[in-house]
Amino acid sequence: MVSILHTSNAHKVYFDNFFTGFSLMKHLQDIEVRETGTVQFNRMNKCPNAADKEIRGKERGAYDYRFDSRNEILAVTWNDNSCVTQSCLELQELALCQPPE
């Protein structure tokens, strides 16, 4: 899909958790395509974020995050109605805030 982009850094791509994984995020970063997407915990290349079980036991809005400074990939796991993990190559796009009541 992204191979047809002429100026890749002018585009942002969003993936749901079916497609997103660390290797895809790394590839997109290498070709300068900005990415945001939800991701399965087991596709995070052993990222030390809190596991779903740990976050689920906390109050709604609790979160844990890690930033891979070498690859410049941010991973955030938070407790909403269920646990959500999101990865992001475009840090300005991701705001950490309390969910609505």
PDB file of N, CA and C in Angstrom:
ATOM      1  N   MET A   1       0.812  -1.188   0.000  1.00  0.00           N
ATOM      2  CA  MET A   1       0.000   0.000   0.000  1.00  0.00           C
ATOM      3  C   MET A   1       0.862   1.262   0.000  1.00  0.00           C
ATOM      4  N   VAL A   2       1.899   1.312   0.833  1.00  0.00           N
ATOM      5  CA  VAL A   2       2.699   2.527   0.910  1.00  0.00           C
ATOM      6  C   VAL A   2       3.754   2.617  -0.186  1.00  0.00           C
ATOM      7  N   SER A   3       3.944   1.564  -0.949  1.00  0.00           N
ATOM      8  CA  SER A   3       4.963   1.586  -2.000  1.00  0.00           C
ATOM      9  C   SER A   3       4.620   2.562  -3.124  1.00  0.00           C
ATOM     10  N   ILE A   4       3.370   2.973  -3.250  1.00  0.00           N
ATOM     11  CA  ILE A   4       2.988   3.898  -4.320  1.00  0.00           C
ATOM     12  C   ILE A   4       3.119   5.364  -3.911  1.00  0.00           C
ATOM     13  N   LEU A   5       3.478   5.637  -2.661  1.00  0.00           N
ATOM     14  CA  LEU A   5       3.606   7.012  -2.192  1.00  0.00           C
ATOM     15  C   LEU A   5       4.867   7.645  -2.764  1.00  0.00           C
ATOM     16  N   HIS A   6       4.713   8.835  -3.337  1.00  0.00           N
ATOM     17  CA  HIS A   6       5.865   9.522  -3.928  1.00  0.00           C
ATOM     18  C   HIS A   6       6.656  10.283  -2.867  1.00  0.00           C
ATOM     19  N   THR A   7       5.970  10.971  -1.993  1.00  0.00           N
ATOM     20  CA  THR A   7       6.619  11.680  -0.891  1.00  0.00           C
ATOM     21  C   THR A   7       6.089  11.081   0.400  1.00  0.00           C
ATOM     22  N   SER A   8       6.756  10.063   0.873  1.00  0.00           N
ATOM     23  CA  SER A   8       6.238   9.286   1.993  1.00  0.00           C
ATOM     24  C   SER A   8       6.102  10.096   3.276  1.00  0.00           C
ATOM     25  N   ASN A   9       6.983  11.058   3.527  1.00  0.00           N
ATOM     26  CA  ASN A   9       6.911  11.782   4.789  1.00  0.00           C
ATOM     27  C   ASN A   9       5.731  12.747   4.859  1.00  0.00           C
ATOM     28  N   ALA A  10       4.981  12.881   3.801  1.00  0.00           N
ATOM     29  CA  ALA A  10       3.793  13.737   3.808  1.00  0.00           C
ATOM     30  C   ALA A  10       2.538  12.951   4.175  1.00  0.00           C
ATOM     31  N   HIS A  11       2.681  11.679   4.515  1.00  0.00           N
ATOM     32  CA  HIS A  11       1.521  10.830   4.777  1.00  0.00           C
ATOM     33  C   HIS A  11       1.561  10.254   6.183  1.00  0.00           C
ATOM     34  N   LYS A  12       0.364  10.032   6.720  1.00  0.00           N
ATOM     35  CA  LYS A  12       0.194   9.359   8.010  1.00  0.00           C
ATOM     36  C   LYS A  12      -0.710   8.164   7.772  1.00  0.00           C
ATOM     37  N   VAL A  13      -0.354   7.027   8.353  1.00  0.00           N
ATOM     38  CA  VAL A  13      -1.114   5.798   8.156  1.00  0.00           C
ATOM     39  C   VAL A  13      -1.606   5.316   9.513  1.00  0.00           C
ATOM     40  N   TYR A  14      -2.866   4.863   9.585  1.00  0.00           N
ATOM     41  CA  TYR A  14      -3.419   4.291  10.804  1.00  0.00           C
ATOM     42  C   TYR A  14      -3.754   2.828  10.548  1.00  0.00           C
ATOM     43  N   PHE A  15      -3.380   1.954  11.473  1.00  0.00           N
ATOM     44  CA  PHE A  15      -3.685   0.528  11.375  1.00  0.00           C
ATOM     45  C   PHE A  15      -4.455   0.087  12.602  1.00  0.00           C
ATOM     46  N   ASP A  16      -5.362  -0.875  12.412  1.00  0.00           N
ATOM     47  CA  ASP A  16      -5.967  -1.496  13.591  1.00  0.00           C
ATOM     48  C   ASP A  16      -5.069  -2.646  14.019  1.00  0.00           C
ATOM     49  N   ASN A  17      -5.415  -3.302  15.107  1.00  0.00           N
ATOM     50  CA  ASN A  17      -4.500  -4.281  15.685  1.00  0.00           C
ATOM     51  C   ASN A  17      -4.315  -5.549  14.862  1.00  0.00           C
ATOM     52  N   PHE A  18      -5.085  -5.737  13.811  1.00  0.00           N
ATOM     53  CA  PHE A  18      -4.903  -6.907  12.962  1.00  0.00           C
ATOM     54  C   PHE A  18      -3.586  -6.819  12.190  1.00  0.00           C
ATOM     55  N   PHE A  19      -3.185  -5.609  11.810  1.00  0.00           N
ATOM     56  CA  PHE A  19      -1.999  -5.418  10.980  1.00  0.00           C
ATOM     57  C   PHE A  19      -0.774  -4.923  11.738  1.00  0.00           C
ATOM     58  N   THR A  20      -0.958  -4.180  12.798  1.00  0.00           N
ATOM     59  CA  THR A  20       0.147  -3.488  13.450  1.00  0.00           C
ATOM     60  C   THR A  20       1.077  -4.438  14.195  1.00  0.00           C
ATOM     61  N   GLY A  21       2.357  -4.197  14.075  1.00  0.00           N
ATOM     62  CA  GLY A  21       3.380  -4.935  14.802  1.00  0.00           C
ATOM     63  C   GLY A  21       4.677  -4.150  14.761  1.00  0.00           C
ATOM     64  N   PHE A  22       5.621  -4.520  15.604  1.00  0.00           N
ATOM     65  CA  PHE A  22       6.875  -3.783  15.698  1.00  0.00           C
ATOM     66  C   PHE A  22       7.620  -3.760  14.366  1.00  0.00           C
ATOM     67  N   SER A  23       7.677  -4.881  13.671  1.00  0.00           N
ATOM     68  CA  SER A  23       8.431  -4.924  12.408  1.00  0.00           C
ATOM     69  C   SER A  23       7.815  -4.005  11.355  1.00  0.00           C
ATOM     70  N   LEU A  24       6.478  -3.931  11.305  1.00  0.00           N
ATOM     71  CA  LEU A  24       5.825  -3.013  10.366  1.00  0.00           C
ATOM     72  C   LEU A  24       6.122  -1.567  10.749  1.00  0.00           C
ATOM     73  N   MET A  25       6.046  -1.256  12.039  1.00  0.00           N
ATOM     74  CA  MET A  25       6.344   0.111  12.479  1.00  0.00           C
ATOM     75  C   MET A  25       7.771   0.499  12.124  1.00  0.00           C
ATOM     76  N   LYS A  26       8.706  -0.411  12.344  1.00  0.00           N
ATOM     77  CA  LYS A  26      10.107  -0.139  12.024  1.00  0.00           C
ATOM     78  C   LYS A  26      10.293   0.074  10.528  1.00  0.00           C
ATOM     79  N   HIS A  27       9.654  -0.753   9.706  1.00  0.00           N
ATOM     80  CA  HIS A  27       9.752  -0.593   8.250  1.00  0.00           C
ATOM     81  C   HIS A  27       9.193   0.760   7.812  1.00  0.00           C
ATOM     82  N   LEU A  28       8.035   1.138   8.343  1.00  0.00           N
ATOM     83  CA  LEU A  28       7.443   2.424   7.973  1.00  0.00           C
ATOM     84  C   LEU A  28       8.330   3.584   8.402  1.00  0.00           C
ATOM     85  N   GLN A  29       8.949   3.460   9.541  1.00  0.00           N
ATOM     86  CA  GLN A  29       9.862   4.516   9.970  1.00  0.00           C
ATOM     87  C   GLN A  29      11.050   4.608   9.017  1.00  0.00           C
ATOM     88  N   ASP A  30      11.569   3.477   8.588  1.00  0.00           N
ATOM     89  CA  ASP A  30      12.707   3.468   7.667  1.00  0.00           C
ATOM     90  C   ASP A  30      12.387   4.165   6.351  1.00  0.00           C
ATOM     91  N   ILE A  31      11.135   4.093   5.904  1.00  0.00           N
ATOM     92  CA  ILE A  31      10.756   4.765   4.651  1.00  0.00           C
ATOM     93  C   ILE A  31      10.036   6.087   4.923  1.00  0.00           C
ATOM     94  N   GLU A  32      10.114   6.569   6.171  1.00  0.00           N
ATOM     95  CA  GLU A  32       9.607   7.871   6.590  1.00  0.00           C
ATOM     96  C   GLU A  32       8.101   8.042   6.433  1.00  0.00           C
ATOM     97  N   VAL A  33       7.354   6.986   6.676  1.00  0.00           N
ATOM     98  CA  VAL A  33       5.891   7.074   6.722  1.00  0.00           C
ATOM     99  C   VAL A  33       5.498   7.094   8.190  1.00  0.00           C
ATOM    100  N   ARG A  34       4.704   8.074   8.585  1.00  0.00           N
ATOM    101  CA  ARG A  34       4.277   8.186   9.976  1.00  0.00           C
ATOM    102  C   ARG A  34       3.109   7.249  10.228  1.00  0.00           C
ATOM    103  N   GLU A  35       3.111   6.597  11.386  1.00  0.00           N
ATOM    104  CA  GLU A  35       2.145   5.531  11.674  1.00  0.00           C
ATOM    105  C   GLU A  35       1.595   5.677  13.077  1.00  0.00           C
ATOM    106  N   THR A  36       0.321   5.371  13.220  1.00  0.00           N
ATOM    107  CA  THR A  36      -0.319   5.220  14.526  1.00  0.00           C
ATOM    108  C   THR A  36      -1.241   4.022  14.417  1.00  0.00           C
ATOM    109  N   GLY A  37      -1.300   3.214  15.457  1.00  0.00           N
ATOM    110  CA  GLY A  37      -2.208   2.077  15.393  1.00  0.00           C
ATOM    111  C   GLY A  37      -2.321   1.343  16.706  1.00  0.00           C
ATOM    112  N   THR A  38      -3.453   0.691  16.886  1.00  0.00           N
ATOM    113  CA  THR A  38      -3.597  -0.202  18.025  1.00  0.00           C
ATOM    114  C   THR A  38      -2.841  -1.481  17.695  1.00  0.00           C
ATOM    115  N   VAL A  39      -2.358  -2.153  18.721  1.00  0.00           N
ATOM    116  CA  VAL A  39      -1.490  -3.308  18.482  1.00  0.00           C
ATOM    117  C   VAL A  39      -1.735  -4.367  19.551  1.00  0.00           C
ATOM    118  N   GLN A  40      -1.621  -5.622  19.167  1.00  0.00           N
ATOM    119  CA  GLN A  40      -1.709  -6.731  20.111  1.00  0.00           C
ATOM    120  C   GLN A  40      -0.450  -6.722  20.985  1.00  0.00           C
ATOM    121  N   PHE A  41      -0.607  -6.981  22.271  1.00  0.00           N
ATOM    122  CA  PHE A  41       0.528  -6.964  23.199  1.00  0.00           C
ATOM    123  C   PHE A  41       1.635  -7.916  22.742  1.00  0.00           C
ATOM    124  N   ASN A  42       1.267  -9.079  22.213  1.00  0.00           N
ATOM    125  CA  ASN A  42       2.274 -10.071  21.810  1.00  0.00           C
ATOM    126  C   ASN A  42       2.998  -9.706  20.510  1.00  0.00           C
ATOM    127  N   ARG A  43       2.634  -8.611  19.865  1.00  0.00           N
ATOM    128  CA  ARG A  43       3.325  -8.170  18.647  1.00  0.00           C
ATOM    129  C   ARG A  43       4.243  -6.979  18.912  1.00  0.00           C
ATOM    130  N   MET A  44       4.525  -6.718  20.178  1.00  0.00           N
ATOM    131  CA  MET A  44       5.324  -5.543  20.528  1.00  0.00           C
ATOM    132  C   MET A  44       6.801  -5.853  20.748  1.00  0.00           C
ATOM    133  N   ASN A  45       7.268  -6.978  20.232  1.00  0.00           N
ATOM    134  CA  ASN A  45       8.693  -7.307  20.255  1.00  0.00           C
ATOM    135  C   ASN A  45       9.271  -7.255  21.673  1.00  0.00           C
ATOM    136  N   LYS A  46       8.519  -7.855  22.614  1.00  0.00           N
ATOM    137  CA  LYS A  46       8.929  -7.934  24.020  1.00  0.00           C
ATOM    138  C   LYS A  46       9.103  -6.567  24.668  1.00  0.00           C
ATOM    139  N   CYS A  47       8.309  -5.605  24.253  1.00  0.00           N
ATOM    140  CA  CYS A  47       8.311  -4.281  24.878  1.00  0.00           C
ATOM    141  C   CYS A  47       7.898  -4.439  26.343  1.00  0.00           C
ATOM    142  N   PRO A  48       8.620  -3.812  27.275  1.00  0.00           N
ATOM    143  CA  PRO A  48       8.327  -4.027  28.699  1.00  0.00           C
ATOM    144  C   PRO A  48       7.139  -3.229  29.235  1.00  0.00           C
ATOM    145  N   ASN A  49       6.183  -2.884  28.393  1.00  0.00           N
ATOM    146  CA  ASN A  49       4.952  -2.242  28.884  1.00  0.00           C
ATOM    147  C   ASN A  49       4.249  -3.182  29.852  1.00  0.00           C
ATOM    148  N   ALA A  50       3.465  -2.610  30.730  1.00  0.00           N
ATOM    149  CA  ALA A  50       2.668  -3.432  31.645  1.00  0.00           C
ATOM    150  C   ALA A  50       1.761  -4.340  30.825  1.00  0.00           C
ATOM    151  N   ALA A  51       1.659  -5.579  31.234  1.00  0.00           N
ATOM    152  CA  ALA A  51       0.790  -6.532  30.536  1.00  0.00           C
ATOM    153  C   ALA A  51      -0.671  -6.174  30.778  1.00  0.00           C
ATOM    154  N   ASP A  52      -1.541  -6.649  29.896  1.00  0.00           N
ATOM    155  CA  ASP A  52      -2.972  -6.382  30.016  1.00  0.00           C
ATOM    156  C   ASP A  52      -3.499  -6.726  31.402  1.00  0.00           C
ATOM    157  N   LYS A  53      -3.047  -7.854  31.966  1.00  0.00           N
ATOM    158  CA  LYS A  53      -3.528  -8.279  33.282  1.00  0.00           C
ATOM    159  C   LYS A  53      -3.205  -7.243  34.352  1.00  0.00           C
ATOM    160  N   GLU A  54      -2.031  -6.642  34.265  1.00  0.00           N
ATOM    161  CA  GLU A  54      -1.633  -5.637  35.254  1.00  0.00           C
ATOM    162  C   GLU A  54      -2.477  -4.370  35.132  1.00  0.00           C
ATOM    163  N   ILE A  55      -2.702  -3.911  33.918  1.00  0.00           N
ATOM    164  CA  ILE A  55      -3.466  -2.682  33.693  1.00  0.00           C
ATOM    165  C   ILE A  55      -4.937  -2.894  34.021  1.00  0.00           C
ATOM    166  N   ARG A  56      -5.474  -4.064  33.664  1.00  0.00           N
ATOM    167  CA  ARG A  56      -6.889  -4.358  33.909  1.00  0.00           C
ATOM    168  C   ARG A  56      -7.257  -4.225  35.387  1.00  0.00           C
ATOM    169  N   GLY A  57      -6.321  -4.509  36.270  1.00  0.00           N
ATOM    170  CA  GLY A  57      -6.579  -4.445  37.700  1.00  0.00           C
ATOM    171  C   GLY A  57      -6.570  -3.034  38.263  1.00  0.00           C
ATOM    172  N   LYS A  58      -6.232  -2.059  37.452  1.00  0.00           N
ATOM    173  CA  LYS A  58      -6.162  -0.668  37.912  1.00  0.00           C
ATOM    174  C   LYS A  58      -7.410   0.094  37.482  1.00  0.00           C
ATOM    175  N   GLU A  59      -7.535   1.328  37.989  1.00  0.00           N
ATOM    176  CA  GLU A  59      -8.716   2.131  37.664  1.00  0.00           C
ATOM    177  C   GLU A  59      -8.721   2.517  36.186  1.00  0.00           C
ATOM    178  N   ARG A  60      -9.908   2.858  35.693  1.00  0.00           N
ATOM    179  CA  ARG A  60     -10.056   3.293  34.305  1.00  0.00           C
ATOM    180  C   ARG A  60      -9.216   4.544  34.093  1.00  0.00           C
ATOM    181  N   GLY A  61      -8.476   4.575  33.024  1.00  0.00           N
ATOM    182  CA  GLY A  61      -7.602   5.701  32.727  1.00  0.00           C
ATOM    183  C   GLY A  61      -6.146   5.442  33.101  1.00  0.00           C
ATOM    184  N   ALA A  62      -5.874   4.368  33.859  1.00  0.00           N
ATOM    185  CA  ALA A  62      -4.488   4.032  34.201  1.00  0.00           C
ATOM    186  C   ALA A  62      -3.738   3.664  32.924  1.00  0.00           C
ATOM    187  N   TYR A  63      -2.467   4.028  32.850  1.00  0.00           N
ATOM    188  CA  TYR A  63      -1.697   3.718  31.645  1.00  0.00           C
ATOM    189  C   TYR A  63      -0.241   3.460  31.983  1.00  0.00           C
ATOM    190  N   ASP A  64       0.438   2.841  31.058  1.00  0.00           N
ATOM    191  CA  ASP A  64       1.872   2.609  31.126  1.00  0.00           C
ATOM    192  C   ASP A  64       2.407   2.855  29.723  1.00  0.00           C
ATOM    193  N   TYR A  65       3.593   3.414  29.619  1.00  0.00           N
ATOM    194  CA  TYR A  65       4.145   3.673  28.288  1.00  0.00           C
ATOM    195  C   TYR A  65       5.641   3.423  28.280  1.00  0.00           C
ATOM    196  N   ARG A  66       6.148   3.173  27.101  1.00  0.00           N
ATOM    197  CA  ARG A  66       7.580   3.024  26.874  1.00  0.00           C
ATOM    198  C   ARG A  66       7.913   3.731  25.566  1.00  0.00           C
ATOM    199  N   PHE A  67       9.098   4.335  25.532  1.00  0.00           N
ATOM    200  CA  PHE A  67       9.571   4.985  24.318  1.00  0.00           C
ATOM    201  C   PHE A  67      10.887   4.345  23.924  1.00  0.00           C
ATOM    202  N   ASP A  68      10.928   3.793  22.726  1.00  0.00           N
ATOM    203  CA  ASP A  68      12.142   3.195  22.180  1.00  0.00           C
ATOM    204  C   ASP A  68      12.921   4.322  21.502  1.00  0.00           C
ATOM    205  N   SER A  69      13.920   4.865  22.186  1.00  0.00           N
ATOM    206  CA  SER A  69      14.634   6.030  21.655  1.00  0.00           C
ATOM    207  C   SER A  69      15.475   5.685  20.427  1.00  0.00           C
ATOM    208  N   ARG A  70      15.902   4.454  20.317  1.00  0.00           N
ATOM    209  CA  ARG A  70      16.694   4.058  19.140  1.00  0.00           C
ATOM    210  C   ARG A  70      15.827   4.059  17.884  1.00  0.00           C
ATOM    211  N   ASN A  71      14.628   3.503  17.984  1.00  0.00           N
ATOM    212  CA  ASN A  71      13.731   3.428  16.829  1.00  0.00           C
ATOM    213  C   ASN A  71      12.678   4.528  16.822  1.00  0.00           C
ATOM    214  N   GLU A  72      12.624   5.332  17.884  1.00  0.00           N
ATOM    215  CA  GLU A  72      11.661   6.424  18.033  1.00  0.00           C
ATOM    216  C   GLU A  72      10.224   5.940  17.878  1.00  0.00           C
ATOM    217  N   ILE A  73       9.900   4.888  18.618  1.00  0.00           N
ATOM    218  CA  ILE A  73       8.548   4.329  18.620  1.00  0.00           C
ATOM    219  C   ILE A  73       8.006   4.413  20.039  1.00  0.00           C
ATOM    220  N   LEU A  74       6.822   4.968  20.179  1.00  0.00           N
ATOM    221  CA  LEU A  74       6.157   5.079  21.470  1.00  0.00           C
ATOM    222  C   LEU A  74       5.086   4.006  21.563  1.00  0.00           C
ATOM    223  N   ALA A  75       5.026   3.308  22.693  1.00  0.00           N
ATOM    224  CA  ALA A  75       3.980   2.309  22.935  1.00  0.00           C
ATOM    225  C   ALA A  75       3.279   2.674  24.237  1.00  0.00           C
ATOM    226  N   VAL A  76       1.961   2.785  24.193  1.00  0.00           N
ATOM    227  CA  VAL A  76       1.159   3.133  25.364  1.00  0.00           C
ATOM    228  C   VAL A  76       0.101   2.061  25.548  1.00  0.00           C
ATOM    229  N   THR A  77      -0.042   1.565  26.781  1.00  0.00           N
ATOM    230  CA  THR A  77      -1.114   0.636  27.134  1.00  0.00           C
ATOM    231  C   THR A  77      -1.963   1.334  28.174  1.00  0.00           C
ATOM    232  N   TRP A  78      -3.281   1.356  27.981  1.00  0.00           N
ATOM    233  CA  TRP A  78      -4.139   1.987  28.982  1.00  0.00           C
ATOM    234  C   TRP A  78      -5.400   1.183  29.194  1.00  0.00           C
ATOM    235  N   ASN A  79      -6.037   1.432  30.324  1.00  0.00           N
ATOM    236  CA  ASN A  79      -7.266   0.742  30.691  1.00  0.00           C
ATOM    237  C   ASN A  79      -8.452   1.641  30.374  1.00  0.00           C
ATOM    238  N   ASP A  80      -9.245   1.218  29.430  1.00  0.00           N
ATOM    239  CA  ASP A  80     -10.491   1.909  29.105  1.00  0.00           C
ATOM    240  C   ASP A  80     -11.585   0.945  29.540  1.00  0.00           C
ATOM    241  N   ASN A  81     -12.497   0.564  28.662  1.00  0.00           N
ATOM    242  CA  ASN A  81     -13.443  -0.505  28.991  1.00  0.00           C
ATOM    243  C   ASN A  81     -12.730  -1.848  28.979  1.00  0.00           C
ATOM    244  N   SER A  82     -11.651  -1.932  28.213  1.00  0.00           N
ATOM    245  CA  SER A  82     -10.736  -3.069  28.227  1.00  0.00           C
ATOM    246  C   SER A  82      -9.349  -2.482  27.983  1.00  0.00           C
ATOM    247  N   CYS A  83      -8.329  -3.301  27.988  1.00  0.00           N
ATOM    248  CA  CYS A  83      -6.973  -2.793  27.784  1.00  0.00           C
ATOM    249  C   CYS A  83      -6.737  -2.482  26.315  1.00  0.00           C
ATOM    250  N   VAL A  84      -6.082  -1.363  26.057  1.00  0.00           N
ATOM    251  CA  VAL A  84      -5.772  -0.931  24.701  1.00  0.00           C
ATOM    252  C   VAL A  84      -4.285  -0.626  24.654  1.00  0.00           C
ATOM    253  N   THR A  85      -3.606  -1.107  23.622  1.00  0.00           N
ATOM    254  CA  THR A  85      -2.205  -0.750  23.406  1.00  0.00           C
ATOM    255  C   THR A  85      -2.112  -0.058  22.063  1.00  0.00           C
ATOM    256  N   GLN A  86      -1.424   1.073  22.043  1.00  0.00           N
ATOM    257  CA  GLN A  86      -1.284   1.843  20.820  1.00  0.00           C
ATOM    258  C   GLN A  86       0.184   2.127  20.597  1.00  0.00           C
ATOM    259  N   SER A  87       0.592   2.083  19.337  1.00  0.00           N
ATOM    260  CA  SER A  87       1.957   2.433  18.965  1.00  0.00           C
ATOM    261  C   SER A  87       1.900   3.687  18.125  1.00  0.00           C
ATOM    262  N   CYS A  88       2.984   4.416  18.111  1.00  0.00           N
ATOM    263  CA  CYS A  88       2.951   5.684  17.404  1.00  0.00           C
ATOM    264  C   CYS A  88       4.352   6.081  16.972  1.00  0.00           C
ATOM    265  N   LEU A  89       4.477   6.516  15.724  1.00  0.00           N
ATOM    266  CA  LEU A  89       5.723   7.083  15.228  1.00  0.00           C
ATOM    267  C   LEU A  89       5.631   8.600  15.169  1.00  0.00           C
ATOM    268  N   GLU A  90       4.458   9.149  15.339  1.00  0.00           N
ATOM    269  CA  GLU A  90       4.222  10.587  15.255  1.00  0.00           C
ATOM    270  C   GLU A  90       3.812  11.057  16.640  1.00  0.00           C
ATOM    271  N   LEU A  91       4.770  11.437  17.461  1.00  0.00           N
ATOM    272  CA  LEU A  91       4.517  11.697  18.871  1.00  0.00           C
ATOM    273  C   LEU A  91       3.532  12.835  19.110  1.00  0.00           C
ATOM    274  N   GLN A  92       3.475  13.815  18.236  1.00  0.00           N
ATOM    275  CA  GLN A  92       2.545  14.919  18.419  1.00  0.00           C
ATOM    276  C   GLN A  92       1.095  14.459  18.304  1.00  0.00           C
ATOM    277  N   GLU A  93       0.858  13.336  17.659  1.00  0.00           N
ATOM    278  CA  GLU A  93      -0.497  12.849  17.429  1.00  0.00           C
ATOM    279  C   GLU A  93      -1.103  12.190  18.658  1.00  0.00           C
ATOM    280  N   LEU A  94      -0.283  11.770  19.615  1.00  0.00           N
ATOM    281  CA  LEU A  94      -0.772  10.988  20.739  1.00  0.00           C
ATOM    282  C   LEU A  94      -0.792  11.839  21.991  1.00  0.00           C
ATOM    283  N   ALA A  95      -1.970  12.090  22.516  1.00  0.00           N
ATOM    284  CA  ALA A  95      -2.112  12.866  23.751  1.00  0.00           C
ATOM    285  C   ALA A  95      -2.574  11.933  24.856  1.00  0.00           C
ATOM    286  N   LEU A  96      -1.902  11.982  25.982  1.00  0.00           N
ATOM    287  CA  LEU A  96      -2.297  11.171  27.125  1.00  0.00           C
ATOM    288  C   LEU A  96      -3.244  11.998  27.984  1.00  0.00           C
ATOM    289  N   CYS A  97      -4.476  11.548  28.117  1.00  0.00           N
ATOM    290  CA  CYS A  97      -5.447  12.297  28.901  1.00  0.00           C
ATOM    291  C   CYS A  97      -6.412  11.337  29.562  1.00  0.00           C
ATOM    292  N   GLN A  98      -7.168  11.845  30.515  1.00  0.00           N
ATOM    293  CA  GLN A  98      -8.161  11.036  31.191  1.00  0.00           C
ATOM    294  C   GLN A  98      -9.327  10.761  30.244  1.00  0.00           C
ATOM    295  N   PRO A  99      -9.830   9.536  30.197  1.00  0.00           N
ATOM    296  CA  PRO A  99     -11.003   9.243  29.373  1.00  0.00           C
ATOM    297  C   PRO A  99     -12.240   9.877  29.995  1.00  0.00           C
ATOM    298  N   PRO A 100     -13.275  10.133  29.201  1.00  0.00           N
ATOM    299  CA  PRO A 100     -14.499  10.712  29.755  1.00  0.00           C
ATOM    300  C   PRO A 100     -15.156   9.757  30.734  1.00  0.00           C
ATOM    301  N   GLU A 101     -15.858  10.303  31.692  1.00  0.00           N
ATOM    302  CA  GLU A 101     -16.560   9.483  32.700  1.00  0.00           C
ATOM    303  C   GLU A 101     -17.709   8.730  32.071  1.00  0.00           C
TER     304      GLU A 101
END
